[in-house]
């Protein structure tokens, strides 16, 4: 009932790009605290954020063919 697919925006390395997103009864990121980097937005909501080595998303990047989020995660691990 609360699931949907949408094109959102993903901000990585200072560049923004469109990203297909699949939401399945997704929780909301209701606020972002100090030191938290907002990485993706959809429909005016923050849907992906990072603080230090913690990455959270309210969508399922594994359900699309776009590997941008996976690549970002691997880059985080390599650092």
N, C-alpha and C. Protein backbone atom coordinates (compact mmCIF):
# COMPACT_ATOMS: atom_id res chain seq x y z
N UNK A 1 0.82 -1.20 0.00
CA UNK A 1 0.00 0.00 0.00
C UNK A 1 0.87 1.27 0.00
N UNK A 2 2.02 1.21 0.68
CA UNK A 2 2.89 2.38 0.76
C UNK A 2 4.15 2.21 -0.09
N UNK A 3 4.16 1.26 -1.00
CA UNK A 3 5.31 1.01 -1.85
C UNK A 3 5.16 1.75 -3.17
N UNK A 4 6.30 2.20 -3.71
CA UNK A 4 6.26 2.90 -5.00
C UNK A 4 7.66 2.97 -5.60
N UNK A 5 7.72 3.30 -6.88
CA UNK A 5 8.97 3.53 -7.59
C UNK A 5 8.99 4.98 -8.06
N UNK A 6 10.16 5.60 -7.99
CA UNK A 6 10.27 7.01 -8.36
C UNK A 6 11.70 7.30 -8.79
N UNK A 7 11.88 8.37 -9.52
CA UNK A 7 13.21 8.87 -9.84
C UNK A 7 13.54 9.96 -8.83
N UNK A 8 14.64 9.78 -8.10
CA UNK A 8 15.09 10.77 -7.14
C UNK A 8 16.42 11.33 -7.55
N UNK A 9 17.05 12.09 -6.67
CA UNK A 9 18.36 12.64 -6.99
C UNK A 9 19.37 12.14 -5.97
N UNK A 10 20.53 11.71 -6.48
CA UNK A 10 21.62 11.16 -5.68
C UNK A 10 22.80 12.09 -5.81
N UNK A 11 23.32 12.55 -4.67
CA UNK A 11 24.44 13.49 -4.65
C UNK A 11 25.69 12.76 -4.18
N UNK A 12 26.64 12.65 -5.08
CA UNK A 12 27.87 11.95 -4.76
C UNK A 12 29.05 12.75 -5.30
N UNK A 13 30.03 12.98 -4.45
CA UNK A 13 31.25 13.69 -4.85
C UNK A 13 30.94 15.06 -5.44
N UNK A 14 29.96 15.74 -4.87
CA UNK A 14 29.62 17.09 -5.31
C UNK A 14 28.80 17.16 -6.59
N UNK A 15 28.39 16.02 -7.10
CA UNK A 15 27.58 16.00 -8.32
C UNK A 15 26.25 15.32 -8.04
N UNK A 16 25.20 15.87 -8.62
CA UNK A 16 23.86 15.31 -8.46
C UNK A 16 23.46 14.61 -9.76
N UNK A 17 22.81 13.46 -9.61
CA UNK A 17 22.32 12.72 -10.78
C UNK A 17 21.00 12.06 -10.43
N UNK A 18 20.23 11.77 -11.46
CA UNK A 18 18.98 11.06 -11.26
C UNK A 18 19.27 9.61 -10.89
N UNK A 19 18.40 9.05 -10.05
CA UNK A 19 18.58 7.68 -9.61
C UNK A 19 17.21 7.03 -9.46
N UNK A 20 17.01 5.87 -10.08
CA UNK A 20 15.75 5.16 -9.86
C UNK A 20 15.72 4.61 -8.44
N UNK A 21 14.57 4.72 -7.79
CA UNK A 21 14.44 4.30 -6.40
C UNK A 21 13.19 3.46 -6.22
N UNK A 22 13.31 2.40 -5.45
CA UNK A 22 12.19 1.53 -5.12
C UNK A 22 11.98 1.61 -3.62
N UNK A 23 10.78 2.00 -3.23
CA UNK A 23 10.42 2.12 -1.82
C UNK A 23 9.41 1.04 -1.48
N UNK A 24 9.70 0.26 -0.44
CA UNK A 24 8.80 -0.79 0.00
C UNK A 24 8.47 -0.53 1.47
N UNK A 25 7.31 0.06 1.70
CA UNK A 25 6.89 0.39 3.06
C UNK A 25 8.04 1.03 3.83
N UNK A 26 8.65 2.01 3.20
CA UNK A 26 9.88 2.62 3.69
C UNK A 26 9.68 3.50 4.92
N UNK A 27 10.64 3.42 5.83
CA UNK A 27 10.63 4.38 6.94
C UNK A 27 11.05 5.74 6.42
N UNK A 28 10.73 6.78 7.14
CA UNK A 28 11.10 8.15 6.74
C UNK A 28 12.29 8.61 7.56
N UNK A 29 13.13 9.39 6.92
CA UNK A 29 14.17 10.12 7.63
C UNK A 29 13.52 11.45 7.98
N UNK A 30 13.15 11.62 9.23
CA UNK A 30 12.36 12.79 9.61
C UNK A 30 13.20 14.02 9.95
N UNK A 31 14.46 13.80 10.33
CA UNK A 31 15.34 14.93 10.58
C UNK A 31 16.77 14.47 10.41
N UNK A 32 17.63 15.44 10.14
CA UNK A 32 19.05 15.16 9.93
C UNK A 32 19.83 16.00 10.92
N UNK A 33 20.62 15.36 11.73
CA UNK A 33 21.38 16.06 12.76
C UNK A 33 22.69 16.63 12.25
N UNK A 34 23.38 17.29 13.15
CA UNK A 34 24.67 17.90 12.83
C UNK A 34 25.67 16.80 12.45
N UNK A 35 26.44 17.05 11.41
CA UNK A 35 27.44 16.10 10.97
C UNK A 35 26.92 15.03 10.04
N UNK A 36 25.64 15.10 9.69
CA UNK A 36 25.04 14.12 8.78
C UNK A 36 25.01 14.70 7.38
N UNK A 37 25.48 13.92 6.43
CA UNK A 37 25.50 14.34 5.03
C UNK A 37 24.29 13.77 4.31
N UNK A 38 23.47 14.62 3.72
CA UNK A 38 22.30 14.18 2.95
C UNK A 38 22.78 13.77 1.56
N UNK A 39 22.52 12.54 1.16
CA UNK A 39 23.03 12.02 -0.11
C UNK A 39 21.98 11.86 -1.20
N UNK A 40 20.72 11.67 -0.81
CA UNK A 40 19.68 11.47 -1.83
C UNK A 40 18.36 12.05 -1.34
N UNK A 41 17.59 12.52 -2.31
CA UNK A 41 16.26 13.08 -2.04
C UNK A 41 15.26 12.53 -3.04
N UNK A 42 14.02 12.44 -2.59
CA UNK A 42 12.92 12.03 -3.45
C UNK A 42 11.64 12.65 -2.91
N UNK A 43 10.90 13.26 -3.79
CA UNK A 43 9.63 13.90 -3.42
C UNK A 43 9.80 14.89 -2.26
N UNK A 44 10.94 15.55 -2.21
CA UNK A 44 11.19 16.54 -1.17
C UNK A 44 11.68 15.98 0.16
N UNK A 45 11.84 14.66 0.25
CA UNK A 45 12.31 14.03 1.48
C UNK A 45 13.75 13.54 1.31
N UNK A 46 14.51 13.60 2.39
CA UNK A 46 15.83 12.97 2.41
C UNK A 46 15.60 11.47 2.48
N UNK A 47 16.22 10.71 1.57
CA UNK A 47 16.00 9.26 1.53
C UNK A 47 17.30 8.47 1.68
N UNK A 48 18.43 9.19 1.75
CA UNK A 48 19.71 8.53 2.00
C UNK A 48 20.63 9.52 2.68
N UNK A 49 21.34 9.05 3.73
CA UNK A 49 22.22 9.94 4.48
C UNK A 49 23.41 9.15 5.00
N UNK A 50 24.45 9.90 5.35
CA UNK A 50 25.68 9.29 5.84
C UNK A 50 26.23 10.11 7.00
N UNK A 51 26.71 9.41 8.01
CA UNK A 51 27.46 10.04 9.09
C UNK A 51 28.62 9.12 9.42
N UNK A 52 29.84 9.64 9.26
CA UNK A 52 31.06 8.85 9.47
C UNK A 52 31.00 7.59 8.60
N UNK A 53 31.00 6.41 9.20
CA UNK A 53 30.97 5.17 8.42
C UNK A 53 29.59 4.50 8.40
N UNK A 54 28.55 5.26 8.72
CA UNK A 54 27.18 4.73 8.72
C UNK A 54 26.41 5.32 7.54
N UNK A 55 25.86 4.43 6.73
CA UNK A 55 25.08 4.82 5.56
C UNK A 55 23.66 4.28 5.73
N UNK A 56 22.65 5.14 5.59
CA UNK A 56 21.26 4.71 5.71
C UNK A 56 20.47 5.13 4.47
N UNK A 57 19.50 4.32 4.11
CA UNK A 57 18.63 4.63 2.97
C UNK A 57 17.23 4.11 3.26
N UNK A 58 16.24 4.83 2.80
CA UNK A 58 14.86 4.37 2.99
C UNK A 58 14.32 3.74 1.70
N UNK A 59 15.19 3.55 0.72
CA UNK A 59 14.81 2.87 -0.52
C UNK A 59 15.71 1.66 -0.70
N UNK A 60 15.42 0.85 -1.70
CA UNK A 60 16.16 -0.40 -1.95
C UNK A 60 16.96 -0.30 -3.25
N UNK A 61 18.22 0.14 -3.18
CA UNK A 61 19.02 0.26 -4.40
C UNK A 61 19.31 -1.08 -5.07
N UNK A 62 19.21 -2.17 -4.33
CA UNK A 62 19.47 -3.49 -4.90
C UNK A 62 18.36 -3.96 -5.84
N UNK A 63 17.24 -3.25 -5.87
CA UNK A 63 16.11 -3.65 -6.71
C UNK A 63 16.08 -2.94 -8.05
N UNK A 64 17.14 -2.20 -8.37
CA UNK A 64 17.23 -1.57 -9.69
C UNK A 64 18.53 -2.03 -10.34
N UNK A 65 18.70 -1.68 -11.61
CA UNK A 65 19.93 -2.03 -12.33
C UNK A 65 21.00 -0.95 -12.19
N UNK A 66 20.70 0.12 -11.50
CA UNK A 66 21.66 1.22 -11.32
C UNK A 66 22.58 0.89 -10.15
N UNK A 67 23.88 0.88 -10.39
CA UNK A 67 24.84 0.49 -9.37
C UNK A 67 25.50 1.66 -8.64
N UNK A 68 25.00 2.87 -8.82
CA UNK A 68 25.63 4.06 -8.23
C UNK A 68 25.74 3.97 -6.71
N UNK A 69 24.71 3.54 -6.03
CA UNK A 69 24.74 3.45 -4.57
C UNK A 69 25.70 2.34 -4.14
N UNK A 70 25.71 1.24 -4.86
CA UNK A 70 26.63 0.14 -4.55
C UNK A 70 28.08 0.60 -4.71
N UNK A 71 28.35 1.32 -5.77
CA UNK A 71 29.70 1.84 -5.98
C UNK A 71 30.09 2.81 -4.87
N UNK A 72 29.17 3.66 -4.47
CA UNK A 72 29.42 4.60 -3.38
C UNK A 72 29.76 3.85 -2.10
N UNK A 73 29.02 2.81 -1.81
CA UNK A 73 29.26 2.01 -0.61
C UNK A 73 30.63 1.36 -0.65
N UNK A 74 31.00 0.79 -1.78
CA UNK A 74 32.33 0.17 -1.92
C UNK A 74 33.43 1.21 -1.71
N UNK A 75 33.24 2.41 -2.26
CA UNK A 75 34.22 3.48 -2.04
C UNK A 75 34.34 3.83 -0.55
N UNK A 76 33.22 3.81 0.17
CA UNK A 76 33.26 4.06 1.61
C UNK A 76 34.11 3.01 2.31
N UNK A 77 33.93 1.76 1.94
CA UNK A 77 34.66 0.67 2.56
C UNK A 77 36.15 0.80 2.27
N UNK A 78 36.49 1.17 1.04
CA UNK A 78 37.89 1.29 0.65
C UNK A 78 38.60 2.40 1.42
N UNK A 79 37.87 3.39 1.86
CA UNK A 79 38.47 4.49 2.62
C UNK A 79 38.71 4.03 4.02
